Amino acid sequence: MTDTILTERRGHVLIVTINRPEARNAINAAVHVGIGTALEKAEADPEIRVVVITGAGDKSFCAGADLVALSRGESLQPADPAQQAWGFAGMVSHPISKPIIAAVNGFAFGGGCELALMSDIILASDHAQFGLPGLKFV
């Protein structure tokens, strides 16, 4: 894995950190592969009992899709069809048998909110904010 996703093992816990604070931890293809790979490793390791996913820094858990990367014509999905099957951010269609805790330390907007909602438990800091800005209610 690259430094886009950091993993740290603490006892029976695997902590997965989206490490793109300069981009508000937005999801690009590298993040997709990194999260998905971390989930695969956690699932295969009988010593890991829970996964915690969080974002680097204290401003943002995850801003969702990397719109700057999209504007440059980059894909947010990897080329590998097996990794694409993991769904958005390598997680949304990638169930594992171990609980996933979203440690939300800032805002979780759009796809970041979806990541939190796909987790089994959400732990939110006092300054956490959630939103789905693309939705319009009539």
Protein backbone atom coordinates (compact mmCIF):
# COMPACT_ATOMS: atom_id res chain seq x y z
CA MET A 1 0.00 0.00 0.00
CA THR A 2 1.07 3.58 -0.54
CA ASP A 3 0.98 6.31 2.08
CA THR A 4 -2.51 7.23 0.82
CA ILE A 5 -3.86 4.65 3.24
CA LEU A 6 -2.13 4.04 6.54
CA THR A 7 -2.77 0.88 8.53
CA GLU A 8 -1.87 0.32 12.13
CA ARG A 9 -2.46 -2.77 14.17
CA ARG A 10 -3.21 -2.34 17.87
CA GLY A 11 -3.77 -5.73 19.41
CA HIS A 12 -6.83 -7.20 17.70
CA VAL A 13 -7.77 -3.89 16.03
CA LEU A 14 -6.79 -2.76 12.54
CA ILE A 15 -6.90 1.02 12.16
CA VAL A 16 -7.24 2.19 8.56
CA THR A 17 -6.57 5.90 7.99
CA ILE A 18 -7.35 7.75 4.78
CA ASN A 19 -4.22 9.89 4.56
CA ARG A 20 -5.08 12.69 2.15
CA PRO A 21 -5.75 15.65 4.47
CA GLU A 22 -4.72 18.12 1.73
CA ALA A 23 -7.67 16.79 -0.32
CA ARG A 24 -9.99 16.48 2.69
CA ASN A 25 -9.40 12.70 2.52
CA ALA A 26 -11.36 12.49 -0.72
CA ILE A 27 -11.66 9.13 -2.46
CA ASN A 28 -9.57 8.44 -5.54
CA ALA A 29 -8.47 5.13 -7.08
CA ALA A 30 -5.53 4.75 -4.69
CA VAL A 31 -7.81 5.17 -1.67
CA HIS A 32 -10.28 2.69 -3.18
CA VAL A 33 -7.55 0.05 -3.56
CA GLY A 34 -6.02 0.83 -0.17
CA ILE A 35 -9.25 0.49 1.81
CA GLY A 36 -10.31 -2.61 -0.11
CA THR A 37 -6.93 -4.25 0.39
CA ALA A 38 -6.96 -3.44 4.10
CA LEU A 39 -10.40 -5.04 4.43
CA GLU A 40 -9.16 -8.14 2.59
CA LYS A 41 -6.19 -8.43 4.95
CA ALA A 42 -8.40 -7.95 8.01
CA GLU A 43 -10.81 -10.62 6.81
CA ALA A 44 -7.98 -13.10 6.22
CA ASP A 45 -6.32 -12.49 9.61
CA PRO A 46 -8.00 -14.39 12.44
CA GLU A 47 -6.25 -12.16 15.00
CA ILE A 48 -8.02 -9.02 13.72
CA ARG A 49 -11.41 -8.70 15.42
CA VAL A 50 -12.46 -5.20 14.37
CA VAL A 51 -11.55 -2.56 11.79
CA VAL A 52 -11.60 1.17 12.53
CA ILE A 53 -11.66 3.52 9.56
CA THR A 54 -10.85 7.19 9.99
CA GLY A 55 -9.43 10.20 8.18
CA ALA A 56 -6.10 11.96 8.75
CA GLY A 57 -6.24 15.34 10.43
CA ASP A 58 -9.09 16.85 12.41
CA LYS A 59 -10.98 18.68 9.65
CA SER A 60 -12.34 15.84 7.59
CA PHE A 61 -13.21 12.18 7.89
CA CYS A 62 -13.83 12.03 4.14
CA ALA A 63 -15.13 14.57 1.62
CA GLY A 64 -16.45 11.85 -0.68
CA ALA A 65 -15.39 11.47 -4.29
CA ASP A 66 -12.29 13.38 -5.39
CA LEU A 67 -13.94 15.88 -7.72
CA VAL A 68 -10.57 17.46 -8.61
CA ALA A 69 -9.33 14.07 -9.85
CA LEU A 70 -12.55 13.61 -11.82
CA SER A 71 -12.12 17.06 -13.42
CA ARG A 72 -8.64 15.96 -14.57
CA GLY A 73 -10.21 12.91 -16.22
CA GLU A 74 -8.97 10.42 -13.65
CA SER A 75 -11.05 7.41 -12.70
CA LEU A 76 -12.00 6.91 -9.07
CA GLN A 77 -11.99 3.16 -9.61
CA PRO A 78 -9.00 0.93 -10.23
CA ALA A 79 -8.63 -0.91 -13.55
CA ASP A 80 -8.85 -4.35 -11.89
CA PRO A 81 -12.46 -5.66 -12.18
CA ALA A 82 -12.15 -7.63 -8.92
CA GLN A 83 -11.22 -4.42 -7.08
CA GLN A 84 -13.99 -2.51 -8.86
CA ALA A 85 -16.46 -5.06 -7.44
CA TRP A 86 -15.61 -3.80 -3.95
CA GLY A 87 -17.78 -0.76 -4.71
CA PHE A 88 -17.16 2.90 -3.92
CA ALA A 89 -13.99 3.45 -1.87
CA GLY A 90 -13.24 -0.27 -1.89
CA MET A 91 -15.81 -0.70 0.87
CA VAL A 92 -19.43 -0.09 -0.08
CA SER A 93 -19.98 -3.50 -1.73
CA HIS A 94 -17.24 -5.28 0.19
CA PRO A 95 -18.74 -6.92 3.26
CA ILE A 96 -16.45 -8.62 5.72
CA SER A 97 -17.34 -10.73 8.74
CA LYS A 98 -15.69 -8.36 11.22
CA PRO A 99 -17.28 -5.17 12.51
CA ILE A 100 -16.18 -1.86 11.01
CA ILE A 101 -16.20 1.27 13.13
CA ALA A 102 -16.14 4.70 11.46
CA ALA A 103 -14.25 7.17 13.67
CA VAL A 104 -15.55 10.43 12.21
CA ASN A 105 -13.24 13.30 13.10
CA GLY A 106 -14.57 16.23 11.10
CA PHE A 107 -16.97 16.34 8.22
CA ALA A 108 -18.29 13.34 6.32
CA PHE A 109 -19.99 14.67 3.21
CA GLY A 110 -21.32 12.85 0.17
CA GLY A 111 -19.45 9.58 -0.26
CA GLY A 112 -17.75 10.15 3.10
CA CYS A 113 -21.17 10.05 4.74
CA GLU A 114 -21.87 6.86 2.79
CA LEU A 115 -18.66 5.30 4.16
CA ALA A 116 -19.77 6.13 7.68
CA LEU A 117 -23.24 4.71 7.02
CA MET A 118 -21.76 1.49 5.60
CA SER A 119 -19.90 0.94 8.87
CA ASP A 120 -21.40 -1.06 11.70
CA ILE A 121 -20.79 1.65 14.30
CA ILE A 122 -20.13 5.39 13.96
CA LEU A 123 -18.15 7.21 16.64
CA ALA A 124 -18.28 10.94 15.98
CA SER A 125 -16.15 13.73 17.46
CA ASP A 126 -17.84 16.81 18.90
CA HIS A 127 -17.15 18.72 15.69
CA ALA A 128 -18.24 15.97 13.27
CA GLN A 129 -20.71 16.95 10.56
CA PHE A 130 -22.61 14.68 8.18
CA GLY A 131 -24.24 15.61 4.92
CA LEU A 132 -25.41 14.43 1.53
CA PRO A 133 -25.23 17.71 -0.40
CA GLY A 134 -26.26 16.17 -3.73
CA LEU A 135 -29.76 15.34 -2.48
CA LYS A 136 -32.63 17.67 -3.20
CA PHE A 137 -35.93 17.18 -1.46
CA VAL A 138 -39.13 18.29 -3.11
